[in-house]
PDB file of N, CA and C in Angstrom:
ATOM      1  N   MET A   1     153.547 -33.043 233.288  1.00  0.00           N
ATOM      2  CA  MET A   1     153.315 -31.626 233.263  1.00  0.00           C
ATOM      3  C   MET A   1     152.656 -31.116 234.455  1.00  0.00           C
ATOM      4  N   ALA A   2     151.949 -31.805 235.173  1.00  0.00           N
ATOM      5  CA  ALA A   2     151.314 -31.633 236.559  1.00  0.00           C
ATOM      6  C   ALA A   2     152.496 -31.180 237.469  1.00  0.00           C
ATOM      7  N   ALA A   3     153.511 -31.950 237.328  1.00  0.00           N
ATOM      8  CA  ALA A   3     154.989 -31.773 238.218  1.00  0.00           C
ATOM      9  C   ALA A   3     155.301 -30.485 237.754  1.00  0.00           C
ATOM     10  N   TRP A   4     155.445 -29.905 236.455  1.00  0.00           N
ATOM     11  CA  TRP A   4     155.909 -28.639 235.968  1.00  0.00           C
ATOM     12  C   TRP A   4     155.063 -27.533 236.569  1.00  0.00           C
ATOM     13  N   VAL A   5     153.729 -27.479 236.568  1.00  0.00           N
ATOM     14  CA  VAL A   5     152.822 -26.666 237.058  1.00  0.00           C
ATOM     15  C   VAL A   5     153.029 -26.542 238.552  1.00  0.00           C
ATOM     16  N   ASP A   6     153.294 -27.426 239.388  1.00  0.00           N
ATOM     17  CA  ASP A   6     153.566 -27.489 240.759  1.00  0.00           C
ATOM     18  C   ASP A   6     154.982 -26.883 240.970  1.00  0.00           C
ATOM     19  N   LEU A   7     155.849 -26.923 240.059  1.00  0.00           N
ATOM     20  CA  LEU A   7     157.275 -26.527 240.023  1.00  0.00           C
ATOM     21  C   LEU A   7     157.122 -24.992 239.919  1.00  0.00           C
ATOM     22  N   ALA A   8     156.275 -24.337 238.904  1.00  0.00           N
ATOM     23  CA  ALA A   8     156.042 -23.272 238.690  1.00  0.00           C
ATOM     24  C   ALA A   8     155.678 -22.312 239.959  1.00  0.00           C
ATOM     25  N   ALA A   9     154.730 -22.881 240.588  1.00  0.00           N
ATOM     26  CA  ALA A   9     153.950 -22.292 241.773  1.00  0.00           C
ATOM     27  C   ALA A   9     155.488 -21.958 242.829  1.00  0.00           C
ATOM     28  N   HIS A  10     156.284 -22.372 242.726  1.00  0.00           N
ATOM     29  CA  HIS A  10     157.432 -22.472 243.762  1.00  0.00           C
ATOM     30  C   HIS A  10     158.794 -21.698 243.358  1.00  0.00           C
ATOM     31  N   ASP A  11     158.715 -21.453 241.849  1.00  0.00           N
ATOM     32  CA  ASP A  11     160.016 -21.360 241.275  1.00  0.00           C
ATOM     33  C   ASP A  11     159.591 -20.198 240.285  1.00  0.00           C
ATOM     34  N   ASP A  12     160.178 -19.030 240.697  1.00  0.00           N
ATOM     35  CA  ASP A  12     159.667 -17.746 239.603  1.00  0.00           C
ATOM     36  C   ASP A  12     160.077 -17.832 238.140  1.00  0.00           C
ATOM     37  N   ARG A  13     161.428 -18.455 238.073  1.00  0.00           N
ATOM     38  CA  ARG A  13     161.662 -18.606 236.769  1.00  0.00           C
ATOM     39  C   ARG A  13     161.061 -19.729 235.926  1.00  0.00           C
ATOM     40  N   VAL A  14     160.584 -20.571 236.579  1.00  0.00           N
ATOM     41  CA  VAL A  14     159.711 -21.771 235.880  1.00  0.00           C
ATOM     42  C   VAL A  14     158.632 -21.105 235.487  1.00  0.00           C
ATOM     43  N   ASP A  15     157.961 -20.333 236.411  1.00  0.00           N
ATOM     44  CA  ASP A  15     156.586 -19.870 236.204  1.00  0.00           C
ATOM     45  C   ASP A  15     156.588 -18.717 234.977  1.00  0.00           C
ATOM     46  N   LYS A  16     157.803 -17.732 235.026  1.00  0.00           N
ATOM     47  CA  LYS A  16     158.098 -17.147 233.838  1.00  0.00           C
ATOM     48  C   LYS A  16     157.822 -17.701 232.409  1.00  0.00           C
ATOM     49  N   ALA A  17     158.933 -18.614 232.607  1.00  0.00           N
ATOM     50  CA  ALA A  17     159.182 -19.487 231.220  1.00  0.00           C
ATOM     51  C   ALA A  17     157.896 -20.049 230.836  1.00  0.00           C
ATOM     52  N   LEU A  18     157.101 -20.902 231.560  1.00  0.00           N
ATOM     53  CA  LEU A  18     155.792 -21.249 231.221  1.00  0.00           C
ATOM     54  C   LEU A  18     154.860 -20.359 230.751  1.00  0.00           C
ATOM     55  N   ARG A  19     154.696 -19.329 231.567  1.00  0.00           N
ATOM     56  CA  ARG A  19     153.735 -18.102 231.295  1.00  0.00           C
ATOM     57  C   ARG A  19     153.914 -17.497 229.832  1.00  0.00           C
ATOM     58  N   LEU A  20     155.299 -17.327 229.467  1.00  0.00           N
ATOM     59  CA  LEU A  20     155.818 -16.841 228.060  1.00  0.00           C
ATOM     60  C   LEU A  20     155.235 -17.836 227.012  1.00  0.00           C
ATOM     61  N   LEU A  21     155.654 -19.180 227.363  1.00  0.00           N
ATOM     62  CA  LEU A  21     155.292 -20.084 226.291  1.00  0.00           C
ATOM     63  C   LEU A  21     153.720 -20.221 226.238  1.00  0.00           C
ATOM     64  N   ILE A  22     152.948 -19.964 227.156  1.00  0.00           N
ATOM     65  CA  ILE A  22     151.365 -20.289 226.645  1.00  0.00           C
ATOM     66  C   ILE A  22     150.576 -18.915 226.506  1.00  0.00           C
ATOM     67  N   GLU A  23     151.129 -17.523 226.880  1.00  0.00           N
ATOM     68  CA  GLU A  23     150.680 -16.222 226.583  1.00  0.00           C
ATOM     69  C   GLU A  23     151.389 -15.261 225.536  1.00  0.00           C
ATOM     70  N   PRO A  24     151.671 -15.764 224.397  1.00  0.00           N
ATOM     71  CA  PRO A  24     152.366 -14.906 223.561  1.00  0.00           C
ATOM     72  C   PRO A  24     151.907 -13.489 223.431  1.00  0.00           C
ATOM     73  N   GLN A  25     152.642 -12.744 223.660  1.00  0.00           N
ATOM     74  CA  GLN A  25     152.018 -11.232 223.555  1.00  0.00           C
ATOM     75  C   GLN A  25     152.931 -10.661 222.056  1.00  0.00           C
ATOM     76  N   PHE A  26     154.052 -11.098 222.032  1.00  0.00           N
ATOM     77  CA  PHE A  26     154.946 -10.441 220.945  1.00  0.00           C
ATOM     78  C   PHE A  26     155.279 -11.540 219.722  1.00  0.00           C
ATOM     79  N   SER A  27     156.259 -11.313 219.064  1.00  0.00           N
ATOM     80  CA  SER A  27     156.731 -12.190 218.133  1.00  0.00           C
ATOM     81  C   SER A  27     157.268 -13.394 218.815  1.00  0.00           C
ATOM     82  N   TYR A  28     157.003 -14.455 218.210  1.00  0.00           N
ATOM     83  CA  TYR A  28     156.973 -15.876 218.940  1.00  0.00           C
ATOM     84  C   TYR A  28     158.691 -15.934 218.880  1.00  0.00           C
ATOM     85  N   TRP A  29     159.397 -15.163 218.112  1.00  0.00           N
ATOM     86  CA  TRP A  29     160.925 -15.252 218.292  1.00  0.00           C
ATOM     87  C   TRP A  29     161.302 -14.640 219.560  1.00  0.00           C
ATOM     88  N   VAL A  30     160.621 -13.435 219.824  1.00  0.00           N
ATOM     89  CA  VAL A  30     160.937 -12.801 221.193  1.00  0.00           C
ATOM     90  C   VAL A  30     160.635 -13.945 222.521  1.00  0.00           C
ATOM     91  N   ILE A  31     159.612 -14.444 222.318  1.00  0.00           N
ATOM     92  CA  ILE A  31     159.201 -15.292 223.437  1.00  0.00           C
ATOM     93  C   ILE A  31     160.328 -16.270 223.689  1.00  0.00           C
ATOM     94  N   LEU A  32     160.382 -17.024 222.213  1.00  0.00           N
ATOM     95  CA  LEU A  32     161.484 -18.277 222.530  1.00  0.00           C
ATOM     96  C   LEU A  32     162.673 -17.433 223.104  1.00  0.00           C
ATOM     97  N   TYR A  33     163.181 -16.467 222.692  1.00  0.00           N
ATOM     98  CA  TYR A  33     164.390 -15.766 223.121  1.00  0.00           C
ATOM     99  C   TYR A  33     164.420 -15.603 224.617  1.00  0.00           C
ATOM    100  N   ASN A  34     163.294 -15.044 225.081  1.00  0.00           N
ATOM    101  CA  ASN A  34     163.074 -14.505 226.390  1.00  0.00           C
ATOM    102  C   ASN A  34     162.896 -16.171 227.246  1.00  0.00           C
ATOM    103  N   ILE A  35     162.253 -17.111 226.866  1.00  0.00           N
ATOM    104  CA  ILE A  35     162.407 -18.474 227.627  1.00  0.00           C
ATOM    105  C   ILE A  35     163.955 -19.072 227.325  1.00  0.00           C
ATOM    106  N   TRP A  36     164.506 -18.590 226.421  1.00  0.00           N
ATOM    107  CA  TRP A  36     165.852 -19.285 226.336  1.00  0.00           C
ATOM    108  C   TRP A  36     166.761 -18.299 227.746  1.00  0.00           C
ATOM    109  N   GLY A  37     166.640 -17.084 227.583  1.00  0.00           N
ATOM    110  CA  GLY A  37     167.421 -16.297 228.699  1.00  0.00           C
ATOM    111  C   GLY A  37     166.829 -16.661 229.954  1.00  0.00           C
ATOM    112  N   VAL A  38     165.765 -16.895 230.325  1.00  0.00           N
ATOM    113  CA  VAL A  38     165.402 -17.493 231.767  1.00  0.00           C
ATOM    114  C   VAL A  38     166.179 -18.650 232.124  1.00  0.00           C
ATOM    115  N   ILE A  39     165.938 -19.566 231.121  1.00  0.00           N
ATOM    116  CA  ILE A  39     166.800 -21.000 231.335  1.00  0.00           C
ATOM    117  C   ILE A  39     168.287 -20.847 231.541  1.00  0.00           C
ATOM    118  N   GLN A  40     168.820 -20.042 230.655  1.00  0.00           N
ATOM    119  CA  GLN A  40     170.333 -19.568 230.629  1.00  0.00           C
ATOM    120  C   GLN A  40     170.645 -18.909 231.994  1.00  0.00           C
ATOM    121  N   SER A  41     169.837 -17.980 232.173  1.00  0.00           N
ATOM    122  CA  SER A  41     170.358 -17.234 233.341  1.00  0.00           C
ATOM    123  C   SER A  41     170.267 -18.284 234.642  1.00  0.00           C
ATOM    124  N   ASP A  42     169.492 -19.333 234.642  1.00  0.00           N
ATOM    125  CA  ASP A  42     169.535 -20.273 236.029  1.00  0.00           C
ATOM    126  C   ASP A  42     170.601 -21.214 235.837  1.00  0.00           C
ATOM    127  N   VAL A  43     170.922 -21.855 234.564  1.00  0.00           N
ATOM    128  CA  VAL A  43     171.880 -23.020 234.426  1.00  0.00           C
ATOM    129  C   VAL A  43     173.055 -22.731 233.614  1.00  0.00           C
ATOM    130  N   GLY A  44     173.292 -21.720 232.940  1.00  0.00           N
ATOM    131  CA  GLY A  44     174.389 -21.300 232.242  1.00  0.00           C
ATOM    132  C   GLY A  44     175.011 -22.516 231.314  1.00  0.00           C
ATOM    133  N   GLY A  45     176.149 -22.829 231.389  1.00  0.00           N
ATOM    134  CA  GLY A  45     176.720 -23.450 230.412  1.00  0.00           C
ATOM    135  C   GLY A  45     176.445 -25.094 230.780  1.00  0.00           C
ATOM    136  N   ARG A  46     175.455 -25.423 231.749  1.00  0.00           N
ATOM    137  CA  ARG A  46     174.990 -26.589 231.804  1.00  0.00           C
ATOM    138  C   ARG A  46     174.150 -27.343 230.375  1.00  0.00           C
ATOM    139  N   ILE A  47     173.750 -26.207 229.763  1.00  0.00           N
ATOM    140  CA  ILE A  47     172.874 -26.675 228.548  1.00  0.00           C
ATOM    141  C   ILE A  47     173.838 -27.230 227.425  1.00  0.00           C
ATOM    142  N   THR A  48     175.154 -26.747 227.386  1.00  0.00           N
ATOM    143  CA  THR A  48     175.712 -27.643 226.299  1.00  0.00           C
ATOM    144  C   THR A  48     176.496 -28.640 227.026  1.00  0.00           C
ATOM    145  N   LYS A  49     177.046 -28.379 228.388  1.00  0.00           N
ATOM    146  CA  LYS A  49     177.742 -29.430 229.245  1.00  0.00           C
ATOM    147  C   LYS A  49     176.865 -30.827 229.189  1.00  0.00           C
ATOM    148  N   ASP A  50     175.565 -30.550 229.420  1.00  0.00           N
ATOM    149  CA  ASP A  50     174.715 -31.777 229.698  1.00  0.00           C
ATOM    150  C   ASP A  50     174.250 -32.216 228.299  1.00  0.00           C
ATOM    151  N   ASP A  51     174.420 -31.487 227.093  1.00  0.00           N
ATOM    152  CA  ASP A  51     174.082 -31.916 225.641  1.00  0.00           C
ATOM    153  C   ASP A  51     172.524 -31.863 225.719  1.00  0.00           C
ATOM    154  N   TRP A  52     171.908 -30.542 226.184  1.00  0.00           N
ATOM    155  CA  TRP A  52     170.705 -30.127 225.745  1.00  0.00           C
ATOM    156  C   TRP A  52     170.592 -29.554 224.654  1.00  0.00           C
ATOM    157  N   ALA A  53     171.613 -28.942 224.078  1.00  0.00           N
ATOM    158  CA  ALA A  53     171.996 -28.376 222.858  1.00  0.00           C
ATOM    159  C   ALA A  53     173.202 -28.203 222.710  1.00  0.00           C
ATOM    160  N   SER A  54     173.663 -27.828 221.504  1.00  0.00           N
ATOM    161  CA  SER A  54     175.169 -27.654 220.917  1.00  0.00           C
ATOM    162  C   SER A  54     175.495 -26.340 220.984  1.00  0.00           C
ATOM    163  N   GLY A  55     176.602 -25.653 220.928  1.00  0.00           N
ATOM    164  CA  GLY A  55     177.001 -24.388 221.186  1.00  0.00           C
ATOM    165  C   GLY A  55     176.431 -23.699 219.612  1.00  0.00           C
ATOM    166  N   LYS A  56     176.800 -24.581 218.592  1.00  0.00           N
ATOM    167  CA  LYS A  56     176.152 -24.417 217.383  1.00  0.00           C
ATOM    168  C   LYS A  56     174.767 -23.979 217.211  1.00  0.00           C
ATOM    169  N   GLN A  57     173.819 -24.919 217.922  1.00  0.00           N
ATOM    170  CA  GLN A  57     172.677 -24.669 217.720  1.00  0.00           C
ATOM    171  C   GLN A  57     172.275 -23.429 218.317  1.00  0.00           C
ATOM    172  N   ILE A  58     172.821 -23.190 219.561  1.00  0.00           N
ATOM    173  CA  ILE A  58     172.477 -21.923 220.274  1.00  0.00           C
ATOM    174  C   ILE A  58     172.914 -20.702 219.572  1.00  0.00           C
ATOM    175  N   ASP A  59     174.081 -20.558 218.955  1.00  0.00           N
ATOM    176  CA  ASP A  59     174.583 -19.594 218.094  1.00  0.00           C
ATOM    177  C   ASP A  59     173.498 -19.242 216.851  1.00  0.00           C
ATOM    178  N   ARG A  60     173.277 -20.393 216.323  1.00  0.00           N
ATOM    179  CA  ARG A  60     172.187 -20.114 215.357  1.00  0.00           C
ATOM    180  C   ARG A  60     170.903 -19.586 215.743  1.00  0.00           C
ATOM    181  N   PHE A  61     170.725 -20.071 216.568  1.00  0.00           N
ATOM    182  CA  PHE A  61     169.356 -19.607 217.375  1.00  0.00           C
ATOM    183  C   PHE A  61     169.396 -18.041 217.718  1.00  0.00           C
ATOM    184  N   THR A  62     170.229 -17.794 218.630  1.00  0.00           N
ATOM    185  CA  THR A  62     170.377 -16.161 219.022  1.00  0.00           C
ATOM    186  C   THR A  62     170.606 -15.308 217.798  1.00  0.00           C
ATOM    187  N   ARG A  63     171.467 -15.793 216.773  1.00  0.00           N
ATOM    188  CA  ARG A  63     171.895 -14.892 215.602  1.00  0.00           C
ATOM    189  C   ARG A  63     170.446 -14.652 214.956  1.00  0.00           C
ATOM    190  N   THR A  64     169.872 -15.909 214.628  1.00  0.00           N
ATOM    191  CA  THR A  64     168.810 -15.713 213.835  1.00  0.00           C
ATOM    192  C   THR A  64     167.495 -14.797 214.459  1.00  0.00           C
ATOM    193  N   ALA A  65     167.513 -15.089 215.965  1.00  0.00           N
ATOM    194  CA  ALA A  65     166.427 -14.193 216.534  1.00  0.00           C
ATOM    195  C   ALA A  65     166.775 -12.728 216.826  1.00  0.00           C
ATOM    196  N   ASN A  66     168.160 -12.575 216.781  1.00  0.00           N
ATOM    197  CA  ASN A  66     168.308 -11.161 216.859  1.00  0.00           C
ATOM    198  C   ASN A  66     168.375 -10.433 215.509  1.00  0.00           C
ATOM    199  N   SER A  67     168.511 -11.110 214.404  1.00  0.00           N
ATOM    200  CA  SER A  67     168.644 -10.529 213.210  1.00  0.00           C
ATOM    201  C   SER A  67     167.381  -9.937 212.339  1.00  0.00           C
ATOM    202  N   VAL A  68     167.426  -8.582 212.365  1.00  0.00           N
ATOM    203  CA  VAL A  68     166.722  -7.843 211.262  1.00  0.00           C
ATOM    204  C   VAL A  68     166.586  -8.088 209.976  1.00  0.00           C
ATOM    205  N   ALA A  69     167.929  -8.392 209.703  1.00  0.00           N
ATOM    206  CA  ALA A  69     168.144  -8.708 208.082  1.00  0.00           C
ATOM    207  C   ALA A  69     167.152 -10.129 207.815  1.00  0.00           C
ATOM    208  N   VAL A  70     167.108 -11.225 208.891  1.00  0.00           N
ATOM    209  CA  VAL A  70     166.679 -12.325 208.467  1.00  0.00           C
ATOM    210  C   VAL A  70     164.916 -12.241 208.979  1.00  0.00           C
ATOM    211  N   LEU A  71     164.641 -11.606 210.071  1.00  0.00           N
ATOM    212  CA  LEU A  71     163.232 -11.708 210.668  1.00  0.00           C
ATOM    213  C   LEU A  71     162.529 -10.547 210.491  1.00  0.00           C
ATOM    214  N   GLY A  72     163.215  -9.334 210.008  1.00  0.00           N
ATOM    215  CA  GLY A  72     162.448  -8.127 210.026  1.00  0.00           C
ATOM    216  C   GLY A  72     161.988  -7.812 211.430  1.00  0.00           C
ATOM    217  N   ASP A  73     160.464  -7.189 211.509  1.00  0.00           N
ATOM    218  CA  ASP A  73     159.762  -6.842 212.450  1.00  0.00           C
ATOM    219  C   ASP A  73     159.696  -7.905 213.583  1.00  0.00           C
ATOM    220  N   ALA A  74     159.850  -9.162 213.102  1.00  0.00           N
ATOM    221  CA  ALA A  74     159.801 -10.094 214.294  1.00  0.00           C
ATOM    222  C   ALA A  74     161.111 -10.377 215.168  1.00  0.00           C
ATOM    223  N   ALA A  75     162.214  -9.852 214.628  1.00  0.00           N
ATOM    224  CA  ALA A  75     163.347  -9.859 215.210  1.00  0.00           C
ATOM    225  C   ALA A  75     163.356  -9.219 216.761  1.00  0.00           C
ATOM    226  N   ARG A  76     164.084 -10.103 217.513  1.00  0.00           N
ATOM    227  CA  ARG A  76     164.288  -9.343 218.966  1.00  0.00           C
ATOM    228  C   ARG A  76     164.657  -8.152 218.976  1.00  0.00           C
ATOM    229  N   LYS A  77     165.733  -7.809 218.157  1.00  0.00           N
ATOM    230  CA  LYS A  77     166.267  -6.321 218.131  1.00  0.00           C
ATOM    231  C   LYS A  77     165.452  -5.520 217.136  1.00  0.00           C
ATOM    232  N   GLY A  78     165.819  -4.164 217.347  1.00  0.00           N
ATOM    233  CA  GLY A  78     165.427  -3.218 216.260  1.00  0.00           C
ATOM    234  C   GLY A  78     166.516  -2.896 215.464  1.00  0.00           C
ATOM    235  N   PHE A  79     167.675  -3.312 215.428  1.00  0.00           N
ATOM    236  CA  PHE A  79     168.756  -2.993 214.568  1.00  0.00           C
ATOM    237  C   PHE A  79     169.477  -4.100 214.412  1.00  0.00           C
ATOM    238  N   GLU A  80     170.379  -4.163 213.259  1.00  0.00           N
ATOM    239  CA  GLU A  80     171.311  -5.292 212.795  1.00  0.00           C
ATOM    240  C   GLU A  80     172.559  -4.800 213.547  1.00  0.00           C
ATOM    241  N   ARG A  81     172.877  -5.460 214.605  1.00  0.00           N
ATOM    242  CA  ARG A  81     174.138  -5.230 215.457  1.00  0.00           C
ATOM    243  C   ARG A  81     175.327  -6.243 214.717  1.00  0.00           C
ATOM    244  N   ASP A  82     175.125  -7.252 214.276  1.00  0.00           N
ATOM    245  CA  ASP A  82     175.951  -8.174 213.881  1.00  0.00           C
ATOM    246  C   ASP A  82     175.693  -8.769 212.535  1.00  0.00           C
ATOM    247  N   GLU A  83     176.474  -9.321 211.712  1.00  0.00           N
ATOM    248  CA  GLU A  83     176.031 -10.086 210.392  1.00  0.00           C
ATOM    249  C   GLU A  83     175.033 -11.127 210.753  1.00  0.00           C
ATOM    250  N   PRO A  84     174.007 -11.100 209.862  1.00  0.00           N
ATOM    251  CA  PRO A  84     173.201 -12.145 209.756  1.00  0.00           C
ATOM    252  C   PRO A  84     173.763 -13.617 209.915  1.00  0.00           C
ATOM    253  N   PRO A  85     173.231 -14.607 210.440  1.00  0.00           N
ATOM    254  CA  PRO A  85     173.739 -15.734 210.412  1.00  0.00           C
ATOM    255  C   PRO A  85     173.889 -16.355 209.093  1.00  0.00           C
ATOM    256  N   PRO A  86     174.758 -16.952 208.655  1.00  0.00           N
ATOM    257  CA  PRO A  86     174.916 -17.401 207.066  1.00  0.00           C
ATOM    258  C   PRO A  86     173.868 -18.554 206.840  1.00  0.00           C
ATOM    259  N   ASP A  87     173.544 -19.335 208.036  1.00  0.00           N
ATOM    260  CA  ASP A  87     172.287 -20.446 207.902  1.00  0.00           C
ATOM    261  C   ASP A  87     171.344 -20.029 209.178  1.00  0.00           C
ATOM    262  N   PRO A  88     170.306 -19.116 208.706  1.00  0.00           N
ATOM    263  CA  PRO A  88     169.522 -18.959 209.699  1.00  0.00           C
ATOM    264  C   PRO A  88     168.660 -20.238 209.980  1.00  0.00           C
ATOM    265  N   MET A  89     168.048 -20.092 211.457  1.00  0.00           N
ATOM    266  CA  MET A  89     167.436 -21.124 211.859  1.00  0.00           C
ATOM    267  C   MET A  89     165.771 -20.931 211.569  1.00  0.00           C
ATOM    268  N   SER A  90     165.245 -22.025 211.105  1.00  0.00           N
ATOM    269  CA  SER A  90     163.742 -21.699 210.880  1.00  0.00           C
ATOM    270  C   SER A  90     162.945 -22.013 211.959  1.00  0.00           C
ATOM    271  N   LEU A  91     161.620 -21.014 212.184  1.00  0.00           N
ATOM    272  CA  LEU A  91     161.047 -21.098 213.331  1.00  0.00           C
ATOM    273  C   LEU A  91     160.867 -22.413 213.939  1.00  0.00           C
ATOM    274  N   GLU A  92     160.494 -23.312 213.154  1.00  0.00           N
ATOM    275  CA  GLU A  92     160.235 -24.736 213.606  1.00  0.00           C
ATOM    276  C   GLU A  92     161.505 -25.226 214.259  1.00  0.00           C
ATOM    277  N   GLU A  93     162.470 -25.031 213.686  1.00  0.00           N
ATOM    278  CA  GLU A  93     164.014 -25.558 214.369  1.00  0.00           C
ATOM    279  C   GLU A  93     164.126 -24.754 215.758  1.00  0.00           C
ATOM    280  N   ALA A  94     163.778 -23.328 215.693  1.00  0.00           N
ATOM    281  CA  ALA A  94     164.006 -22.832 217.093  1.00  0.00           C
ATOM    282  C   ALA A  94     162.659 -23.202 217.842  1.00  0.00           C
ATOM    283  N   GLN A  95     161.638 -23.642 217.689  1.00  0.00           N
ATOM    284  CA  GLN A  95     160.551 -24.099 218.660  1.00  0.00           C
ATOM    285  C   GLN A  95     161.373 -25.357 219.154  1.00  0.00           C
ATOM    286  N   ALA A  96     161.445 -26.194 218.418  1.00  0.00           N
ATOM    287  CA  ALA A  96     162.058 -27.533 218.675  1.00  0.00           C
ATOM    288  C   ALA A  96     163.160 -27.376 219.561  1.00  0.00           C
ATOM    289  N   LEU A  97     164.046 -26.534 219.258  1.00  0.00           N
ATOM    290  CA  LEU A  97     165.241 -26.477 220.324  1.00  0.00           C
ATOM    291  C   LEU A  97     165.070 -25.803 221.682  1.00  0.00           C
ATOM    292  N   ILE A  98     164.077 -24.897 221.739  1.00  0.00           N
ATOM    293  CA  ILE A  98     163.707 -24.065 222.977  1.00  0.00           C
ATOM    294  C   ILE A  98     162.930 -25.183 223.748  1.00  0.00           C
ATOM    295  N   HIS A  99     161.812 -25.940 223.197  1.00  0.00           N
ATOM    296  CA  HIS A  99     161.103 -26.818 223.630  1.00  0.00           C
ATOM    297  C   HIS A  99     162.047 -27.963 224.192  1.00  0.00           C
ATOM    298  N   ARG A 100     163.088 -28.404 223.649  1.00  0.00           N
ATOM    299  CA  ARG A 100     163.859 -29.483 224.176  1.00  0.00           C
ATOM    300  C   ARG A 100     164.718 -28.781 225.497  1.00  0.00           C
ATOM    301  N   VAL A 101     165.243 -27.901 225.147  1.00  0.00           N
ATOM    302  CA  VAL A 101     166.122 -27.299 226.152  1.00  0.00           C
ATOM    303  C   VAL A 101     165.199 -27.106 227.631  1.00  0.00           C
ATOM    304  N   LEU A 102     163.801 -26.495 227.406  1.00  0.00           N
ATOM    305  CA  LEU A 102     162.891 -26.316 228.403  1.00  0.00           C
ATOM    306  C   LEU A 102     162.509 -27.679 228.873  1.00  0.00           C
ATOM    307  N   ARG A 103     162.198 -28.766 228.370  1.00  0.00           N
ATOM    308  CA  ARG A 103     161.889 -29.965 228.831  1.00  0.00           C
ATOM    309  C   ARG A 103     163.172 -30.361 229.807  1.00  0.00           C
ATOM    310  N   HIS A 104     164.422 -30.168 229.155  1.00  0.00           N
ATOM    311  CA  HIS A 104     165.436 -30.800 230.038  1.00  0.00           C
ATOM    312  C   HIS A 104     165.490 -30.025 231.262  1.00  0.00           C
ATOM    313  N   TRP A 105     165.435 -28.602 231.152  1.00  0.00           N
ATOM    314  CA  TRP A 105     165.692 -27.728 232.480  1.00  0.00           C
ATOM    315  C   TRP A 105     164.620 -28.149 233.470  1.00  0.00           C
ATOM    316  N   LEU A 106     163.240 -27.978 232.977  1.00  0.00           N
ATOM    317  CA  LEU A 106     162.097 -28.493 234.076  1.00  0.00           C
ATOM    318  C   LEU A 106     162.368 -29.639 234.591  1.00  0.00           C
ATOM    319  N   ASN A 107     162.777 -30.833 233.674  1.00  0.00           N
ATOM    320  CA  ASN A 107     163.182 -32.231 234.443  1.00  0.00           C
ATOM    321  C   ASN A 107     164.102 -32.195 235.507  1.00  0.00           C
ATOM    322  N   SER A 108     165.243 -31.370 235.083  1.00  0.00           N
ATOM    323  CA  SER A 108     166.510 -31.302 235.972  1.00  0.00           C
ATOM    324  C   SER A 108     166.158 -30.614 237.337  1.00  0.00           C
ATOM    325  N   LYS A 109     164.997 -29.811 237.415  1.00  0.00           N
ATOM    326  CA  LYS A 109     164.718 -29.235 238.444  1.00  0.00           C
ATOM    327  C   LYS A 109     163.563 -29.937 239.418  1.00  0.00           C
ATOM    328  N   ILE A 110     162.922 -30.968 238.837  1.00  0.00           N
ATOM    329  CA  ILE A 110     162.027 -31.885 239.688  1.00  0.00           C
ATOM    330  C   ILE A 110     162.729 -33.135 240.377  1.00  0.00           C
ATOM    331  N   ASP A 111     162.264 -33.253 241.446  1.00  0.00           N
ATOM    332  CA  ASP A 111     162.817 -34.342 242.187  1.00  0.00           C
ATOM    333  C   ASP A 111     161.975 -35.501 242.105  1.00  0.00           C
ATOM    334  N   TRP A 112     162.458 -36.304 241.175  1.00  0.00           N
ATOM    335  CA  TRP A 112     161.572 -37.307 240.724  1.00  0.00           C
ATOM    336  C   TRP A 112     161.054 -38.500 241.536  1.00  0.00           C
ATOM    337  N   GLU A 113     161.822 -38.576 242.711  1.00  0.00           N
ATOM    338  CA  GLU A 113     161.283 -39.434 244.008  1.00  0.00           C
ATOM    339  C   GLU A 113     160.015 -38.741 244.551  1.00  0.00           C
ATOM    340  N   ASP A 114     160.049 -37.556 244.651  1.00  0.00           N
ATOM    341  CA  ASP A 114     158.697 -36.926 245.168  1.00  0.00           C
ATOM    342  C   ASP A 114     157.691 -36.812 244.338  1.00  0.00           C
ATOM    343  N   VAL A 115     157.885 -36.760 242.982  1.00  0.00           N
ATOM    344  CA  VAL A 115     156.689 -36.955 241.861  1.00  0.00           C
ATOM    345  C   VAL A 115     156.190 -38.435 242.170  1.00  0.00           C
ATOM    346  N   VAL A 116     156.986 -39.395 242.191  1.00  0.00           N
ATOM    347  CA  VAL A 116     156.478 -40.903 242.204  1.00  0.00           C
ATOM    348  C   VAL A 116     155.773 -41.007 243.448  1.00  0.00           C
ATOM    349  N   SER A 117     156.079 -40.592 244.633  1.00  0.00           N
ATOM    350  CA  SER A 117     155.565 -40.698 245.992  1.00  0.00           C
ATOM    351  C   SER A 117     154.189 -39.931 245.931  1.00  0.00           C
ATOM    352  N   TYR A 118     154.232 -38.765 245.171  1.00  0.00           N
ATOM    353  CA  TYR A 118     152.863 -37.699 245.105  1.00  0.00           C
ATOM    354  C   TYR A 118     151.935 -38.681 244.332  1.00  0.00           C
ATOM    355  N   ARG A 119     152.331 -39.147 243.326  1.00  0.00           N
ATOM    356  CA  ARG A 119     151.322 -39.995 242.294  1.00  0.00           C
ATOM    357  C   ARG A 119     150.828 -41.162 242.935  1.00  0.00           C
ATOM    358  N   GLY A 120     151.660 -41.658 244.081  1.00  0.00           N
ATOM    359  CA  GLY A 120     151.345 -42.987 244.889  1.00  0.00           C
ATOM    360  C   GLY A 120     150.203 -42.425 245.706  1.00  0.00           C
ATOM    361  N   GLN A 121     150.273 -41.247 245.994  1.00  0.00           N
ATOM    362  CA  GLN A 121     148.983 -40.882 247.084  1.00  0.00           C
ATOM    363  C   GLN A 121     147.746 -40.641 246.531  1.00  0.00           C
ATOM    364  N   SER A 122     147.549 -40.556 245.262  1.00  0.00           N
ATOM    365  CA  SER A 122     146.452 -40.216 244.581  1.00  0.00           C
ATOM    366  C   SER A 122     145.328 -41.405 244.609  1.00  0.00           C
TER     367      SER A 122
END
């Protein structure tokens, strides 16, 4: 975790994702979606390529997060643009998915050799 905080001091995207995670101001679905957006804008297809999450999981998450029919006022969007997902994701599933993707993303940005030598100096 300390390495993630250090990373946030030097990477605006990491800082934003961690800040959104610990300072919820809106619907938790909106925060999860914003964290997803930050990560996706940085690594794109690597999320599915490196098996951090499947395309099906991502689709269920984004469709659920955007669905007024499923989430009401907690939805990311204020209107129903597409059909609601046939199998909406629960908040617990969404949290687990985004936390897993976030962990993989943060760990992918850390040079673990630097972490090991930093800890050896303590």
